N, C-alpha and C. Protein backbone atom coordinates (compact mmCIF):
# COMPACT_ATOMS: atom_id res chain seq x y z
N MET A 1 -8.80 27.36 1.31
CA MET A 1 -9.54 26.01 0.55
C MET A 1 -9.10 26.64 -0.58
N ALA A 2 -8.56 25.51 -1.72
CA ALA A 2 -8.65 25.54 -2.92
C ALA A 2 -10.07 25.09 -3.46
N THR A 3 -10.24 25.22 -4.91
CA THR A 3 -11.40 24.74 -5.70
C THR A 3 -11.00 23.95 -6.96
N VAL A 4 -11.63 22.34 -6.96
CA VAL A 4 -10.92 21.71 -8.29
C VAL A 4 -11.84 21.30 -8.82
N ASN A 5 -11.65 21.40 -10.09
CA ASN A 5 -12.60 21.15 -11.12
C ASN A 5 -12.29 20.18 -12.19
N PHE A 6 -12.86 18.45 -12.15
CA PHE A 6 -12.76 17.74 -12.97
C PHE A 6 -14.06 17.03 -13.50
N SER A 7 -13.33 16.34 -14.28
CA SER A 7 -14.96 15.34 -15.22
C SER A 7 -14.31 13.77 -14.94
N VAL A 8 -15.74 13.44 -14.88
CA VAL A 8 -16.05 11.92 -14.22
C VAL A 8 -16.68 11.52 -15.24
N PRO A 9 -17.27 10.01 -15.57
CA PRO A 9 -18.04 9.46 -16.06
C PRO A 9 -19.25 9.62 -15.29
N ASP A 10 -20.14 9.82 -16.14
CA ASP A 10 -21.66 10.37 -15.78
C ASP A 10 -22.16 8.86 -15.20
N ASP A 11 -22.11 7.55 -15.07
CA ASP A 11 -22.43 6.51 -13.94
C ASP A 11 -21.83 6.81 -12.77
N VAL A 12 -20.51 7.34 -13.30
CA VAL A 12 -19.50 7.29 -11.39
C VAL A 12 -20.65 8.51 -10.90
N LYS A 13 -20.78 9.78 -11.56
CA LYS A 13 -21.39 10.27 -10.98
C LYS A 13 -22.75 10.50 -10.38
N LYS A 14 -23.77 10.00 -11.44
CA LYS A 14 -25.02 9.00 -11.02
C LYS A 14 -24.37 8.08 -9.75
N ALA A 15 -23.71 7.42 -9.37
CA ALA A 15 -23.57 6.24 -8.22
C ALA A 15 -23.06 7.19 -7.20
N PHE A 16 -22.17 8.26 -7.18
CA PHE A 16 -21.46 8.74 -6.21
C PHE A 16 -22.32 9.60 -5.81
N ASP A 17 -23.56 10.48 -6.70
CA ASP A 17 -24.80 11.35 -5.92
C ASP A 17 -25.46 10.36 -4.95
N GLN A 18 -26.03 9.11 -5.23
CA GLN A 18 -27.10 8.36 -4.31
C GLN A 18 -26.07 7.74 -3.35
N THR A 19 -25.27 7.45 -3.94
CA THR A 19 -24.63 6.56 -2.58
C THR A 19 -24.42 7.62 -1.32
N PHE A 20 -23.64 8.84 -1.78
CA PHE A 20 -23.68 9.87 -0.48
C PHE A 20 -25.01 11.17 -0.54
N LYS A 21 -25.93 10.74 -0.87
CA LYS A 21 -26.82 11.74 -1.12
C LYS A 21 -27.07 12.91 -0.28
N ASN A 22 -27.04 12.41 1.30
CA ASN A 22 -27.17 12.81 2.73
C ASN A 22 -26.01 13.52 3.28
N ARG A 23 -24.92 13.48 2.35
CA ARG A 23 -23.69 14.00 3.15
C ARG A 23 -22.73 14.77 2.07
N ASN A 24 -22.27 15.76 2.80
CA ASN A 24 -21.28 16.73 2.64
C ASN A 24 -20.48 16.12 1.25
N LYS A 25 -20.99 16.42 0.19
CA LYS A 25 -20.14 15.57 -1.16
C LYS A 25 -18.45 16.14 -1.28
N SER A 26 -18.40 17.41 -0.60
CA SER A 26 -16.88 18.00 -0.97
C SER A 26 -16.06 17.40 0.28
N ALA A 27 -16.61 17.11 1.61
CA ALA A 27 -16.11 16.34 2.34
C ALA A 27 -15.63 14.87 2.36
N VAL A 28 -16.66 14.37 1.58
CA VAL A 28 -16.42 13.14 1.27
C VAL A 28 -15.25 12.76 0.11
N ILE A 29 -15.40 14.09 -0.63
CA ILE A 29 -14.16 13.77 -1.78
C ILE A 29 -13.30 14.15 -1.38
N ALA A 30 -12.67 15.00 -0.27
CA ALA A 30 -11.48 15.75 0.01
C ALA A 30 -11.24 14.34 1.35
N GLU A 31 -12.30 13.30 1.77
CA GLU A 31 -11.64 12.43 2.51
C GLU A 31 -10.78 11.18 1.33
N LEU A 32 -11.81 11.18 0.28
CA LEU A 32 -11.29 10.09 -0.28
C LEU A 32 -9.85 10.43 -1.26
N MET A 33 -9.90 11.44 -1.50
CA MET A 33 -8.15 12.40 -1.79
C MET A 33 -7.61 11.95 -0.58
N ARG A 34 -7.54 12.32 0.68
CA ARG A 34 -6.58 11.89 1.41
C ARG A 34 -6.13 10.68 1.65
N GLN A 35 -7.36 9.66 1.38
CA GLN A 35 -7.04 8.55 1.36
C GLN A 35 -5.98 7.73 0.32
N ALA A 36 -6.42 8.75 -1.18
CA ALA A 36 -5.65 8.05 -2.04
C ALA A 36 -3.76 8.64 -1.92
N VAL A 37 -4.31 9.71 -1.43
CA VAL A 37 -2.53 10.24 -1.24
C VAL A 37 -1.92 9.09 -0.22
N ALA A 38 -2.26 8.71 0.78
CA ALA A 38 -1.78 8.11 1.54
C ALA A 38 -1.48 7.04 0.88
N GLU A 39 -2.61 5.96 0.39
CA GLU A 39 -2.19 4.86 -0.28
C GLU A 39 -1.02 5.15 -1.13
N ALA A 40 -0.97 6.07 -1.92
CA ALA A 40 0.40 6.25 -3.04
C ALA A 40 1.54 6.78 -2.16
N HIS A 41 1.64 6.96 -0.90
CA HIS A 41 2.99 6.80 -0.31
C HIS A 41 3.11 6.07 0.45
N ARG A 42 2.19 4.73 0.93
CA ARG A 42 2.35 3.82 1.24
C ARG A 42 2.89 2.56 0.43
N ASP A 43 2.53 3.11 -0.89
CA ASP A 43 2.99 2.07 -1.86
C ASP A 43 4.39 2.27 -2.81
N LYS A 44 4.52 3.55 -2.40
CA LYS A 44 5.97 3.82 -2.56
C LYS A 44 6.59 3.22 -1.50
N ARG A 45 6.50 3.27 -0.18
CA ARG A 45 7.21 2.89 0.58
C ARG A 45 7.62 1.58 0.55
N ARG A 46 6.31 0.87 0.29
CA ARG A 46 6.84 -0.45 0.03
C ARG A 46 7.50 -0.73 -0.82
N ALA A 47 7.59 -0.32 -2.00
CA ALA A 47 8.29 -0.60 -3.28
C ALA A 47 9.72 -0.28 -2.63
N GLU A 48 10.34 0.41 -2.13
CA GLU A 48 11.62 1.18 -1.92
C GLU A 48 12.35 0.39 -1.04
N LEU A 49 11.24 -0.77 0.06
CA LEU A 49 11.64 -1.24 1.24
C LEU A 49 12.13 -2.85 0.11
N PHE A 50 11.18 -2.97 -0.63
CA PHE A 50 11.15 -3.99 -1.07
C PHE A 50 12.67 -4.32 -1.95
N ARG A 51 13.04 -2.82 -2.60
CA ARG A 51 14.22 -2.61 -3.68
C ARG A 51 15.32 -3.08 -2.48
N MET A 52 14.81 -2.61 -1.72
CA MET A 52 16.29 -2.64 -0.16
C MET A 52 16.40 -3.63 -0.28
N LEU A 53 15.37 -4.73 0.41
CA LEU A 53 15.46 -6.20 0.59
C LEU A 53 16.15 -7.05 -0.54
N THR A 54 15.58 -6.81 -1.42
CA THR A 54 16.21 -7.72 -2.66
C THR A 54 17.31 -6.85 -2.79
N GLU A 55 18.01 -5.63 -2.94
CA GLU A 55 19.28 -5.68 -3.21
C GLU A 55 20.56 -6.38 -2.62
N ARG A 56 20.07 -6.48 -0.78
CA ARG A 56 20.54 -7.34 -0.19
C ARG A 56 20.73 -8.39 0.49
N ARG A 57 19.58 -8.99 -0.59
CA ARG A 57 19.74 -10.84 -0.61
C ARG A 57 21.35 -11.25 -0.89
N ASP A 58 21.72 -10.48 -2.40
CA ASP A 58 23.27 -11.55 -2.26
C ASP A 58 24.00 -11.19 -1.45
N ARG A 59 23.83 -10.21 -0.43
CA ARG A 59 24.85 -9.99 0.87
C ARG A 59 24.89 -10.45 1.75
N ARG A 60 23.61 -11.12 1.55
CA ARG A 60 23.48 -11.95 3.37
C ARG A 60 24.05 -13.27 3.23
N PRO A 61 24.74 -14.00 4.56
CA PRO A 61 25.20 -14.78 4.44
C PRO A 61 24.18 -16.40 4.14
N ALA A 62 24.93 -16.79 3.30
CA ALA A 62 24.11 -18.14 3.58
C ALA A 62 24.49 -19.57 4.21
N ALA A 63 23.44 -19.95 4.85
CA ALA A 63 23.91 -21.49 5.23
C ALA A 63 23.09 -22.76 4.22
N SER A 64 24.57 -23.74 4.18
CA SER A 64 24.09 -25.20 3.62
C SER A 64 22.66 -25.44 4.34
N ASN A 65 22.05 -26.67 3.42
CA ASN A 65 21.19 -27.66 3.57
C ASN A 65 21.36 -28.00 5.04
N ARG A 66 22.82 -28.75 5.38
CA ARG A 66 23.27 -29.53 6.35
C ARG A 66 23.16 -28.77 7.37
N GLU A 67 23.92 -26.79 7.21
CA GLU A 67 23.90 -26.35 8.15
C GLU A 67 22.74 -26.04 8.94
N ILE A 68 21.50 -26.14 8.36
CA ILE A 68 20.39 -25.61 8.91
C ILE A 68 20.20 -26.77 9.63
N ARG A 69 20.04 -28.02 8.94
CA ARG A 69 19.50 -28.53 9.57
C ARG A 69 20.57 -29.40 11.35
N ALA A 70 21.66 -29.23 11.07
CA ALA A 70 22.53 -29.03 12.38
C ALA A 70 21.75 -28.38 13.13
N VAL A 71 21.58 -27.27 12.85
CA VAL A 71 21.16 -26.22 13.85
C VAL A 71 19.60 -26.45 14.11
N ARG A 72 18.76 -26.90 13.23
CA ARG A 72 17.75 -27.21 13.98
C ARG A 72 17.51 -28.70 14.80
N THR A 73 18.24 -29.61 14.34
CA THR A 73 18.62 -30.96 15.07
C THR A 73 19.15 -30.38 16.83
N ALA A 74 20.06 -29.56 16.63
CA ALA A 74 20.35 -28.49 17.93
C ALA A 74 19.75 -28.31 18.80
N ALA A 75 18.73 -27.09 18.41
CA ALA A 75 17.78 -26.62 18.96
C ALA A 75 16.54 -27.75 19.34
N ARG A 76 16.14 -28.63 19.01
CA ARG A 76 15.03 -29.47 19.88
C ARG A 76 15.61 -30.53 20.69
N SER A 77 17.20 -30.31 20.75
CA SER A 77 17.55 -31.42 21.92
C SER A 77 17.80 -30.50 23.64
């Protein structure tokens, strides 16, 4: 198991200690770090998917308003 040392503002440390006073603080911090890593991975994946979708926008077929209206009308019949 690794040891990590970092500095935080005093008010954050005080609030953390009060909030998690009856819990294993190392376990809480480890879980928060896991969540932060997972969130960063999700954000990276979302950005990549958005990039892919917007790149493909110019290449996908387009329909005119008249064509769309005709399909909607036909579907209602």
